[in-house]
Amino acid sequence: MIYDIRQTTTYHYASSVAYARHVLRLTPIDRMGQRVHAAALDIEPAPIERREGHDFFGNRMTWIELDQPHDTLSVRVAARVAVKRDVAPEATPPWEEIREAAFASIDLSPNSPAHYLFPSRQVSLDPEIRAYAADSFSAGRPVLDAAVDLMRRIKADFVYEIGATTASTTPPMSFALRRGVCQDFVHIMISGMRGLGLPAAYVSGYLRTAQAAGEDRLEGAGAMHAWVLVGCGEDVGWRGLDPTNGIFVGDDHVVLAIGRDYADVAPIDGVIFASGGQRLEVSVSVTPVE
């Protein structure tokens, strides 16, 4: 599939911002199963300084500085991305072998499971979530089979409800509520798997917004989306699971950034010099190219 992606993110400030610095993670890059034909990032007002680079995990970063007073900040993304992923259940080792190998690994490269085993800024290792996840990981069960079962249980047991949580809601809070959005479901699944000693990473990206005739629209389409990468050992590698929709990650998914949790991949971070609140508007379109 080839997609044209358009995203507009606009901040409306209650009072004029005198100065701001931001880091943006909104530019897709080539990855396994994904090729970027073109990508552009337009920012208004125009920054006095703009710098491009990559973080430790290889995600594309844009650092900007704004020194003129502004009441709004608008960031527009335009990209064309080709996606081709084989989606099928695979034979994977028992989850206990994956756990043992992950903790024995001495690899510290960005793709190493070592970075995705421990608590991170927005993912704690909660005993209740661990116990919930453990019901899927019976002795000797293949790791991907067990992870798919956990994903489908989350899909069945939790309600997708915009506004029930915020970007700062912790996994134990959304787990207790039994509701939330994609970020919450991903954090819960990651917390449960890491609690069992299994590597799990956070992915931000997009879903196809226009489905074929007769197909249901996926939950989370029309906004930024998130899913989980499950470490399945050196031979199989990482596999994507979308607990919001209860499906394997396939040609409907476009990757933006990968990290330990939402804090590593937040689309816009930064500091502003202003008083009062702010209002955020985001629109996303991911349409197939005929």
C-alpha atoms as a PDB file:
ATOM      1  CA  MET A   1       0.000   0.000   0.000  1.00  0.00           C
ATOM      2  CA  ILE A   2       1.117   3.544  -0.775  1.00  0.00           C
ATOM      3  CA  TYR A   3      -0.368   6.286   1.397  1.00  0.00           C
ATOM      4  CA  ASP A   4      -0.542  10.049   1.287  1.00  0.00           C
ATOM      5  CA  ILE A   5      -0.355  11.255   4.887  1.00  0.00           C
ATOM      6  CA  ARG A   6      -1.498  14.680   6.049  1.00  0.00           C
ATOM      7  CA  GLN A   7      -1.445  15.804   9.657  1.00  0.00           C
ATOM      8  CA  THR A   8      -2.076  19.259  11.060  1.00  0.00           C
ATOM      9  CA  THR A   9      -1.343  19.967  14.722  1.00  0.00           C
ATOM     10  CA  THR A  10      -2.349  23.385  16.067  1.00  0.00           C
ATOM     11  CA  TYR A  11      -1.874  24.825  19.537  1.00  0.00           C
ATOM     12  CA  HIS A  12      -4.072  27.807  20.487  1.00  0.00           C
ATOM     13  CA  TYR A  13      -2.660  29.715  23.457  1.00  0.00           C
ATOM     14  CA  ALA A  14      -4.719  31.732  25.940  1.00  0.00           C
ATOM     15  CA  SER A  15      -1.992  34.379  26.015  1.00  0.00           C
ATOM     16  CA  SER A  16       0.778  35.257  23.625  1.00  0.00           C
ATOM     17  CA  VAL A  17       3.858  33.029  23.803  1.00  0.00           C
ATOM     18  CA  ALA A  18       6.992  35.157  23.938  1.00  0.00           C
ATOM     19  CA  TYR A  19       9.523  32.382  23.389  1.00  0.00           C
ATOM     20  CA  ALA A  20       9.427  28.624  22.795  1.00  0.00           C
ATOM     21  CA  ARG A  21      11.630  25.620  22.110  1.00  0.00           C
ATOM     22  CA  HIS A  22      10.178  22.344  20.833  1.00  0.00           C
ATOM     23  CA  VAL A  23      11.273  18.915  19.688  1.00  0.00           C
ATOM     24  CA  LEU A  24       9.109  17.253  17.025  1.00  0.00           C
ATOM     25  CA  ARG A  25       8.828  13.540  16.246  1.00  0.00           C
ATOM     26  CA  LEU A  26       6.543  13.788  13.240  1.00  0.00           C
ATOM     27  CA  THR A  27       8.663  12.683  10.277  1.00  0.00           C
ATOM     28  CA  PRO A  28       8.445   9.025   9.207  1.00  0.00           C
ATOM     29  CA  ILE A  29      11.625   7.204   8.144  1.00  0.00           C
ATOM     30  CA  ASP A  30      12.435   4.026   6.209  1.00  0.00           C
ATOM     31  CA  ARG A  31      11.958   0.921   8.340  1.00  0.00           C
ATOM     32  CA  MET A  32      11.487  -2.796   7.852  1.00  0.00           C
ATOM     33  CA  GLY A  33       8.382  -3.091   5.673  1.00  0.00           C
ATOM     34  CA  GLN A  34       8.113   0.670   5.184  1.00  0.00           C
ATOM     35  CA  ARG A  35       9.646   3.057   2.659  1.00  0.00           C
ATOM     36  CA  VAL A  36       9.269   6.856   2.697  1.00  0.00           C
ATOM     37  CA  HIS A  37       8.992   8.343  -0.798  1.00  0.00           C
ATOM     38  CA  ALA A  38       8.777  11.952   0.429  1.00  0.00           C
ATOM     39  CA  ALA A  39       8.183  13.852   3.671  1.00  0.00           C
ATOM     40  CA  ALA A  40       7.949  17.538   4.577  1.00  0.00           C
ATOM     41  CA  LEU A  41       7.355  19.427   7.815  1.00  0.00           C
ATOM     42  CA  ASP A  42       5.948  22.976   7.680  1.00  0.00           C
ATOM     43  CA  ILE A  43       5.945  25.112  10.839  1.00  0.00           C
ATOM     44  CA  GLU A  44       4.160  28.420  11.448  1.00  0.00           C
ATOM     45  CA  PRO A  45       5.372  30.809  12.715  1.00  0.00           C
ATOM     46  CA  ALA A  46       8.716  30.119  11.080  1.00  0.00           C
ATOM     47  CA  PRO A  47      11.403  29.131  13.627  1.00  0.00           C
ATOM     48  CA  ILE A  48      14.522  31.252  13.980  1.00  0.00           C
ATOM     49  CA  GLU A  49      16.461  28.004  14.372  1.00  0.00           C
ATOM     50  CA  ARG A  50      15.674  24.532  13.056  1.00  0.00           C
ATOM     51  CA  ARG A  51      17.833  21.433  13.396  1.00  0.00           C
ATOM     52  CA  GLU A  52      17.278  17.877  12.180  1.00  0.00           C
ATOM     53  CA  GLY A  53      18.675  14.676  13.654  1.00  0.00           C
ATOM     54  CA  HIS A  54      17.894  11.300  15.234  1.00  0.00           C
ATOM     55  CA  ASP A  55      17.475  10.043  18.774  1.00  0.00           C
ATOM     56  CA  PHE A  56      19.046   6.910  20.277  1.00  0.00           C
ATOM     57  CA  PHE A  57      16.299   4.683  18.865  1.00  0.00           C
ATOM     58  CA  GLY A  58      16.748   6.067  15.339  1.00  0.00           C
ATOM     59  CA  ASN A  59      13.590   8.202  15.279  1.00  0.00           C
ATOM     60  CA  ARG A  60      13.677  11.377  13.174  1.00  0.00           C
ATOM     61  CA  MET A  61      13.816  14.511  15.349  1.00  0.00           C
ATOM     62  CA  THR A  62      13.326  18.192  14.537  1.00  0.00           C
ATOM     63  CA  TRP A  63      14.402  20.801  17.106  1.00  0.00           C
ATOM     64  CA  ILE A  64      12.962  24.319  16.684  1.00  0.00           C
ATOM     65  CA  GLU A  65      13.263  27.672  18.438  1.00  0.00           C
ATOM     66  CA  LEU A  66      10.677  30.487  18.219  1.00  0.00           C
ATOM     67  CA  ASP A  67      11.451  33.986  19.479  1.00  0.00           C
ATOM     68  CA  GLN A  68       8.578  36.064  18.070  1.00  0.00           C
ATOM     69  CA  PRO A  69       5.319  36.417  20.036  1.00  0.00           C
ATOM     70  CA  HIS A  70       2.634  34.044  18.762  1.00  0.00           C
ATOM     71  CA  ASP A  71      -0.913  33.045  19.763  1.00  0.00           C
ATOM     72  CA  THR A  72      -0.904  29.800  17.768  1.00  0.00           C
ATOM     73  CA  LEU A  73       1.618  27.185  16.680  1.00  0.00           C
ATOM     74  CA  SER A  74       0.789  25.127  13.607  1.00  0.00           C
ATOM     75  CA  VAL A  75       2.778  22.092  12.442  1.00  0.00           C
ATOM     76  CA  ARG A  76       1.803  20.447   9.151  1.00  0.00           C
ATOM     77  CA  VAL A  77       3.123  17.065   8.001  1.00  0.00           C
ATOM     78  CA  ALA A  78       2.910  15.841   4.418  1.00  0.00           C
ATOM     79  CA  ALA A  79       4.360  12.457   3.451  1.00  0.00           C
ATOM     80  CA  ARG A  80       4.031   9.620   0.961  1.00  0.00           C
ATOM     81  CA  VAL A  81       4.857   6.225   2.445  1.00  0.00           C
ATOM     82  CA  ALA A  82       4.781   2.697   1.002  1.00  0.00           C
ATOM     83  CA  VAL A  83       3.982  -0.128   3.421  1.00  0.00           C
ATOM     84  CA  LYS A  84       4.273  -3.870   2.880  1.00  0.00           C
ATOM     85  CA  ARG A  85       4.225  -6.236   5.853  1.00  0.00           C
ATOM     86  CA  ASP A  86       3.589  -9.962   5.926  1.00  0.00           C
ATOM     87  CA  VAL A  87       0.988 -10.652   8.592  1.00  0.00           C
ATOM     88  CA  ALA A  88       0.665 -14.237   9.757  1.00  0.00           C
ATOM     89  CA  PRO A  89       0.980 -16.199  13.013  1.00  0.00           C
ATOM     90  CA  GLU A  90       4.476 -17.635  13.347  1.00  0.00           C
ATOM     91  CA  ALA A  91       6.111 -20.389  15.354  1.00  0.00           C
ATOM     92  CA  THR A  92       8.022 -18.715  18.180  1.00  0.00           C
ATOM     93  CA  PRO A  93       9.942 -20.069  21.192  1.00  0.00           C
ATOM     94  CA  PRO A  94       8.283 -20.533  24.587  1.00  0.00           C
ATOM     95  CA  TRP A  95       8.003 -17.249  26.434  1.00  0.00           C
ATOM     96  CA  GLU A  96      10.303 -18.483  29.218  1.00  0.00           C
ATOM     97  CA  GLU A  97      13.133 -18.897  26.675  1.00  0.00           C
ATOM     98  CA  ILE A  98      12.575 -15.350  25.409  1.00  0.00           C
ATOM     99  CA  ARG A  99      12.724 -14.029  28.976  1.00  0.00           C
ATOM    100  CA  GLU A 100      15.923 -15.901  29.739  1.00  0.00           C
ATOM    101  CA  ALA A 101      17.625 -14.795  26.518  1.00  0.00           C
ATOM    102  CA  ALA A 102      16.554 -11.153  26.955  1.00  0.00           C
ATOM    103  CA  PHE A 103      18.038 -10.878  30.451  1.00  0.00           C
ATOM    104  CA  ALA A 104      21.199 -12.682  29.339  1.00  0.00           C
ATOM    105  CA  SER A 105      21.743 -10.355  26.370  1.00  0.00           C
ATOM    106  CA  ILE A 106      24.795  -8.089  26.493  1.00  0.00           C
ATOM    107  CA  ASP A 107      23.708  -6.182  23.362  1.00  0.00           C
ATOM    108  CA  LEU A 108      23.066  -2.480  24.053  1.00  0.00           C
ATOM    109  CA  SER A 109      22.304  -1.406  20.469  1.00  0.00           C
ATOM    110  CA  PRO A 110      19.010   0.481  19.866  1.00  0.00           C
ATOM    111  CA  ASN A 111      17.244  -2.720  18.759  1.00  0.00           C
ATOM    112  CA  SER A 112      18.290  -4.727  21.811  1.00  0.00           C
ATOM    113  CA  PRO A 113      15.555  -6.194  24.045  1.00  0.00           C
ATOM    114  CA  ALA A 114      17.498  -4.893  27.055  1.00  0.00           C
ATOM    115  CA  HIS A 115      15.960  -1.415  26.658  1.00  0.00           C
ATOM    116  CA  TYR A 116      12.391  -2.743  26.832  1.00  0.00           C
ATOM    117  CA  LEU A 117      12.453  -4.974  29.932  1.00  0.00           C
ATOM    118  CA  PHE A 118      12.333  -2.505  32.800  1.00  0.00           C
ATOM    119  CA  PRO A 119      10.097   0.285  34.147  1.00  0.00           C
ATOM    120  CA  SER A 120      10.251   3.477  32.108  1.00  0.00           C
ATOM    121  CA  ARG A 121       9.019   7.028  32.532  1.00  0.00           C
ATOM    122  CA  GLN A 122       5.350   6.236  31.840  1.00  0.00           C
ATOM    123  CA  VAL A 123       5.231   2.452  32.350  1.00  0.00           C
ATOM    124  CA  SER A 124       5.426   1.077  35.879  1.00  0.00           C
ATOM    125  CA  LEU A 125       5.503  -2.646  36.640  1.00  0.00           C
ATOM    126  CA  ASP A 126       2.179  -3.017  38.445  1.00  0.00           C
ATOM    127  CA  PRO A 127       1.468  -6.355  40.220  1.00  0.00           C
ATOM    128  CA  GLU A 128      -2.246  -6.343  39.260  1.00  0.00           C
ATOM    129  CA  ILE A 129      -1.445  -5.815  35.587  1.00  0.00           C
ATOM    130  CA  ARG A 130       1.243  -8.493  35.776  1.00  0.00           C
ATOM    131  CA  ALA A 131      -1.264 -10.968  37.235  1.00  0.00           C
ATOM    132  CA  TYR A 132      -3.763 -10.099  34.485  1.00  0.00           C
ATOM    133  CA  ALA A 133      -1.131 -10.696  31.780  1.00  0.00           C
ATOM    134  CA  ALA A 134       0.059 -13.933  33.396  1.00  0.00           C
ATOM    135  CA  ASP A 135      -3.267 -15.610  32.573  1.00  0.00           C
ATOM    136  CA  SER A 136      -2.198 -15.588  28.907  1.00  0.00           C
ATOM    137  CA  PHE A 137       1.325 -16.863  29.544  1.00  0.00           C
ATOM    138  CA  SER A 138       0.869 -20.446  30.660  1.00  0.00           C
ATOM    139  CA  ALA A 139       3.957 -22.635  31.019  1.00  0.00           C
ATOM    140  CA  GLY A 140       5.708 -23.358  27.738  1.00  0.00           C
ATOM    141  CA  ARG A 141       3.320 -21.316  25.576  1.00  0.00           C
ATOM    142  CA  PRO A 142       4.944 -19.750  22.464  1.00  0.00           C
ATOM    143  CA  VAL A 143       5.597 -16.063  23.163  1.00  0.00           C
ATOM    144  CA  LEU A 144       3.727 -14.664  20.147  1.00  0.00           C
ATOM    145  CA  ASP A 145       0.725 -16.929  20.722  1.00  0.00           C
ATOM    146  CA  ALA A 146       0.542 -15.766  24.343  1.00  0.00           C
ATOM    147  CA  ALA A 147       0.986 -12.091  23.408  1.00  0.00           C
ATOM    148  CA  VAL A 148      -1.821 -12.336  20.833  1.00  0.00           C
ATOM    149  CA  ASP A 149      -4.070 -13.838  23.508  1.00  0.00           C
ATOM    150  CA  LEU A 150      -3.234 -10.959  25.872  1.00  0.00           C
ATOM    151  CA  MET A 151      -3.904  -8.435  23.101  1.00  0.00           C
ATOM    152  CA  ARG A 152      -7.328  -9.939  22.362  1.00  0.00           C
ATOM    153  CA  ARG A 153      -8.258 -10.003  26.054  1.00  0.00           C
ATOM    154  CA  ILE A 154      -7.432  -6.300  26.336  1.00  0.00           C
ATOM    155  CA  LYS A 155      -9.578  -5.641  23.280  1.00  0.00           C
ATOM    156  CA  ALA A 156     -12.477  -7.579  24.853  1.00  0.00           C
ATOM    157  CA  ASP A 157     -12.143  -6.326  28.439  1.00  0.00           C
ATOM    158  CA  PHE A 158     -11.486  -2.600  27.909  1.00  0.00           C
ATOM    159  CA  VAL A 159     -13.692   0.113  26.416  1.00  0.00           C
ATOM    160  CA  TYR A 160     -12.299   2.570  23.848  1.00  0.00           C
ATOM    161  CA  GLU A 161     -13.474   5.962  25.112  1.00  0.00           C
ATOM    162  CA  ILE A 162     -11.967   9.279  24.078  1.00  0.00           C
ATOM    163  CA  GLY A 163     -11.742  11.650  27.048  1.00  0.00           C
ATOM    164  CA  ALA A 164     -11.753   8.959  29.740  1.00  0.00           C
ATOM    165  CA  THR A 165      -8.009   9.431  30.236  1.00  0.00           C
ATOM    166  CA  THR A 166      -5.277  11.964  29.446  1.00  0.00           C
ATOM    167  CA  ALA A 167      -1.726  11.720  28.145  1.00  0.00           C
ATOM    168  CA  SER A 168      -0.495  11.567  31.758  1.00  0.00           C
ATOM    169  CA  THR A 169      -2.805   8.742  32.906  1.00  0.00           C
ATOM    170  CA  THR A 170      -0.725   5.905  34.355  1.00  0.00           C
ATOM    171  CA  PRO A 171      -1.213   2.226  33.427  1.00  0.00           C
ATOM    172  CA  PRO A 172      -2.630   1.304  36.884  1.00  0.00           C
ATOM    173  CA  MET A 173      -5.188   4.126  36.574  1.00  0.00           C
ATOM    174  CA  SER A 174      -6.429   3.125  33.108  1.00  0.00           C
ATOM    175  CA  PHE A 175      -6.322  -0.552  34.122  1.00  0.00           C
ATOM    176  CA  ALA A 176      -8.620   0.196  37.059  1.00  0.00           C
ATOM    177  CA  LEU A 177     -10.956   2.237  34.848  1.00  0.00           C
ATOM    178  CA  ARG A 178     -11.089  -0.534  32.208  1.00  0.00           C
ATOM    179  CA  ARG A 179     -11.322   2.182  29.573  1.00  0.00           C
ATOM    180  CA  GLY A 180      -9.153   4.609  27.657  1.00  0.00           C
ATOM    181  CA  VAL A 181      -7.554   5.073  24.233  1.00  0.00           C
ATOM    182  CA  CYS A 182      -4.751   3.425  22.288  1.00  0.00           C
ATOM    183  CA  GLN A 183      -1.975   4.894  24.456  1.00  0.00           C
ATOM    184  CA  ASP A 184      -3.563   3.408  27.584  1.00  0.00           C
ATOM    185  CA  PHE A 185      -4.065  -0.061  26.106  1.00  0.00           C
ATOM    186  CA  VAL A 186      -0.484  -0.127  24.826  1.00  0.00           C
ATOM    187  CA  HIS A 187       0.927   0.955  28.199  1.00  0.00           C
ATOM    188  CA  ILE A 188      -1.139  -1.742  29.958  1.00  0.00           C
ATOM    189  CA  MET A 189       0.062  -4.466  27.587  1.00  0.00           C
ATOM    190  CA  ILE A 190       3.679  -3.313  27.882  1.00  0.00           C
ATOM    191  CA  SER A 191       3.466  -3.178  31.694  1.00  0.00           C
ATOM    192  CA  GLY A 192       2.043  -6.702  31.835  1.00  0.00           C
ATOM    193  CA  MET A 193       4.659  -8.191  29.525  1.00  0.00           C
ATOM    194  CA  ARG A 194       7.606  -6.426  31.165  1.00  0.00           C
ATOM    195  CA  GLY A 195       6.267  -7.530  34.534  1.00  0.00           C
ATOM    196  CA  LEU A 196       6.754 -11.095  33.273  1.00  0.00           C
ATOM    197  CA  GLY A 197      10.280 -10.281  32.076  1.00  0.00           C
ATOM    198  CA  LEU A 198       9.418  -9.967  28.369  1.00  0.00           C
ATOM    199  CA  PRO A 199      10.607  -7.190  26.024  1.00  0.00           C
ATOM    200  CA  ALA A 200       7.839  -4.902  24.730  1.00  0.00           C
ATOM    201  CA  ALA A 201       8.225  -1.550  22.944  1.00  0.00           C
ATOM    202  CA  TYR A 202       5.872   1.384  22.247  1.00  0.00           C
ATOM    203  CA  VAL A 203       5.167   2.492  18.668  1.00  0.00           C
ATOM    204  CA  SER A 204       3.494   5.720  17.554  1.00  0.00           C
ATOM    205  CA  GLY A 205       2.104   6.118  14.070  1.00  0.00           C
ATOM    206  CA  TYR A 206      -0.991   6.245  11.930  1.00  0.00           C
ATOM    207  CA  LEU A 207      -3.847   4.033  10.798  1.00  0.00           C
ATOM    208  CA  ARG A 208      -5.349   4.013   7.351  1.00  0.00           C
ATOM    209  CA  THR A 209      -8.354   6.354   7.542  1.00  0.00           C
ATOM    210  CA  ALA A 210     -10.226   5.165   4.436  1.00  0.00           C
ATOM    211  CA  GLN A 211     -11.277   1.515   4.546  1.00  0.00           C
ATOM    212  CA  ALA A 212     -12.319  -0.576   1.585  1.00  0.00           C
ATOM    213  CA  ALA A 213     -16.024  -1.177   0.917  1.00  0.00           C
ATOM    214  CA  GLY A 214     -17.481  -3.579   3.475  1.00  0.00           C
ATOM    215  CA  GLU A 215     -14.619  -3.153   5.964  1.00  0.00           C
ATOM    216  CA  ASP A 216     -15.148  -1.631   9.408  1.00  0.00           C
ATOM    217  CA  ARG A 217     -13.229   1.525  10.272  1.00  0.00           C
ATOM    218  CA  LEU A 218     -10.449   0.754  12.717  1.00  0.00           C
ATOM    219  CA  GLU A 219     -10.571   2.285  16.216  1.00  0.00           C
ATOM    220  CA  GLY A 220      -8.150   5.198  16.372  1.00  0.00           C
ATOM    221  CA  ALA A 221      -8.244   6.028  12.658  1.00  0.00           C
ATOM    222  CA  GLY A 222      -8.284   9.756  11.965  1.00  0.00           C
ATOM    223  CA  ALA A 223      -5.859  10.482  14.829  1.00  0.00           C
ATOM    224  CA  MET A 224      -2.380   9.477  15.881  1.00  0.00           C
ATOM    225  CA  HIS A 225      -2.282   5.822  16.911  1.00  0.00           C
ATOM    226  CA  ALA A 226      -0.126   3.497  19.016  1.00  0.00           C
ATOM    227  CA  TRP A 227       0.644  -0.211  19.224  1.00  0.00           C
ATOM    228  CA  VAL A 228       3.100  -2.699  20.754  1.00  0.00           C
ATOM    229  CA  LEU A 229       6.226  -4.366  19.421  1.00  0.00           C
ATOM    230  CA  VAL A 230       6.747  -7.770  21.029  1.00  0.00           C
ATOM    231  CA  GLY A 231      10.241  -9.248  21.177  1.00  0.00           C
ATOM    232  CA  CYS A 232      10.090 -12.801  19.817  1.00  0.00           C
ATOM    233  CA  GLY A 233      13.781 -13.751  19.909  1.00  0.00           C
ATOM    234  CA  GLU A 234      16.686 -13.346  17.523  1.00  0.00           C
ATOM    235  CA  ASP A 235      15.318 -15.671  14.836  1.00  0.00           C
ATOM    236  CA  VAL A 236      11.859 -14.065  14.552  1.00  0.00           C
ATOM    237  CA  GLY A 237      12.623 -10.528  15.726  1.00  0.00           C
ATOM    238  CA  TRP A 238       9.959  -7.984  16.716  1.00  0.00           C
ATOM    239  CA  ARG A 239       6.281  -8.346  15.829  1.00  0.00           C
ATOM    240  CA  GLY A 240       3.632  -5.624  16.012  1.00  0.00           C
ATOM    241  CA  LEU A 241       0.312  -6.096  17.828  1.00  0.00           C
ATOM    242  CA  ASP A 242      -2.496  -3.509  18.018  1.00  0.00           C
ATOM    243  CA  PRO A 243      -4.466  -4.051  21.256  1.00  0.00           C
ATOM    244  CA  THR A 244      -6.921  -1.242  20.445  1.00  0.00           C
ATOM    245  CA  ASN A 245      -8.202  -3.237  17.473  1.00  0.00           C
ATOM    246  CA  GLY A 246      -7.083  -6.733  18.477  1.00  0.00           C
ATOM    247  CA  ILE A 247      -5.126  -7.289  15.267  1.00  0.00           C
ATOM    248  CA  PHE A 248      -1.620  -7.869  13.952  1.00  0.00           C
ATOM    249  CA  VAL A 249       0.096  -4.725  12.686  1.00  0.00           C
ATOM    250  CA  GLY A 250      -0.025  -4.835   8.900  1.00  0.00           C
ATOM    251  CA  ASP A 251      -0.417  -2.697   5.815  1.00  0.00           C
ATOM    252  CA  ASP A 252      -2.962  -0.427   7.564  1.00  0.00           C
ATOM    253  CA  HIS A 253      -0.276   0.833   9.982  1.00  0.00           C
ATOM    254  CA  VAL A 254       2.411   3.477   9.325  1.00  0.00           C
ATOM    255  CA  VAL A 255       5.233   3.828  11.884  1.00  0.00           C
ATOM    256  CA  LEU A 256       6.374   7.240  13.103  1.00  0.00           C
ATOM    257  CA  ALA A 257       8.542   6.508  16.148  1.00  0.00           C
ATOM    258  CA  ILE A 258       9.556   3.672  18.486  1.00  0.00           C
ATOM    259  CA  GLY A 259      10.515   3.925  22.158  1.00  0.00           C
ATOM    260  CA  ARG A 260      10.003   2.552  25.653  1.00  0.00           C
ATOM    261  CA  ASP A 261       6.695   4.377  26.205  1.00  0.00           C
ATOM    262  CA  TYR A 262       4.780   7.473  25.078  1.00  0.00           C
ATOM    263  CA  ALA A 263       7.344   9.828  26.631  1.00  0.00           C
ATOM    264  CA  ASP A 264       9.994   8.594  24.159  1.00  0.00           C
ATOM    265  CA  VAL A 265       7.805   9.171  21.096  1.00  0.00           C
ATOM    266  CA  ALA A 266       5.568  12.150  21.976  1.00  0.00           C
ATOM    267  CA  PRO A 267       4.927  14.008  18.690  1.00  0.00           C
ATOM    268  CA  ILE A 268       5.668  17.449  20.186  1.00  0.00           C
ATOM    269  CA  ASP A 269       7.574  18.264  23.377  1.00  0.00           C
ATOM    270  CA  GLY A 270       8.895  21.579  24.522  1.00  0.00           C
ATOM    271  CA  VAL A 271       8.915  24.647  26.741  1.00  0.00           C
ATOM    272  CA  ILE A 272       6.953  27.880  26.245  1.00  0.00           C
ATOM    273  CA  PHE A 273       7.186  31.238  28.014  1.00  0.00           C
ATOM    274  CA  ALA A 274       3.540  32.229  28.545  1.00  0.00           C
ATOM    275  CA  SER A 275       0.674  32.243  31.046  1.00  0.00           C
ATOM    276  CA  GLY A 276      -2.739  30.661  30.814  1.00  0.00           C
ATOM    277  CA  GLY A 277      -3.894  27.486  29.188  1.00  0.00           C
ATOM    278  CA  GLN A 278      -3.763  26.073  25.695  1.00  0.00           C
ATOM    279  CA  ARG A 279      -6.062  24.177  23.335  1.00  0.00           C
ATOM    280  CA  LEU A 280      -4.863  21.479  20.955  1.00  0.00           C
ATOM    281  CA  GLU A 281      -6.394  20.539  17.587  1.00  0.00           C
ATOM    282  CA  VAL A 282      -5.132  17.576  15.531  1.00  0.00           C
ATOM    283  CA  SER A 283      -6.383  16.311  12.189  1.00  0.00           C
ATOM    284  CA  VAL A 284      -4.997  13.216  10.419  1.00  0.00           C
ATOM    285  CA  SER A 285      -5.619  11.770   6.982  1.00  0.00           C
ATOM    286  CA  VAL A 286      -3.997   8.557   5.702  1.00  0.00           C
ATOM    287  CA  THR A 287      -5.386   7.811   2.256  1.00  0.00           C
ATOM    288  CA  PRO A 288      -4.313   5.156  -0.260  1.00  0.00           C
ATOM    289  CA  VAL A 289      -2.803   6.356  -3.506  1.00  0.00           C
ATOM    290  CA  GLU A 290      -4.725   4.883  -6.427  1.00  0.00           C
END
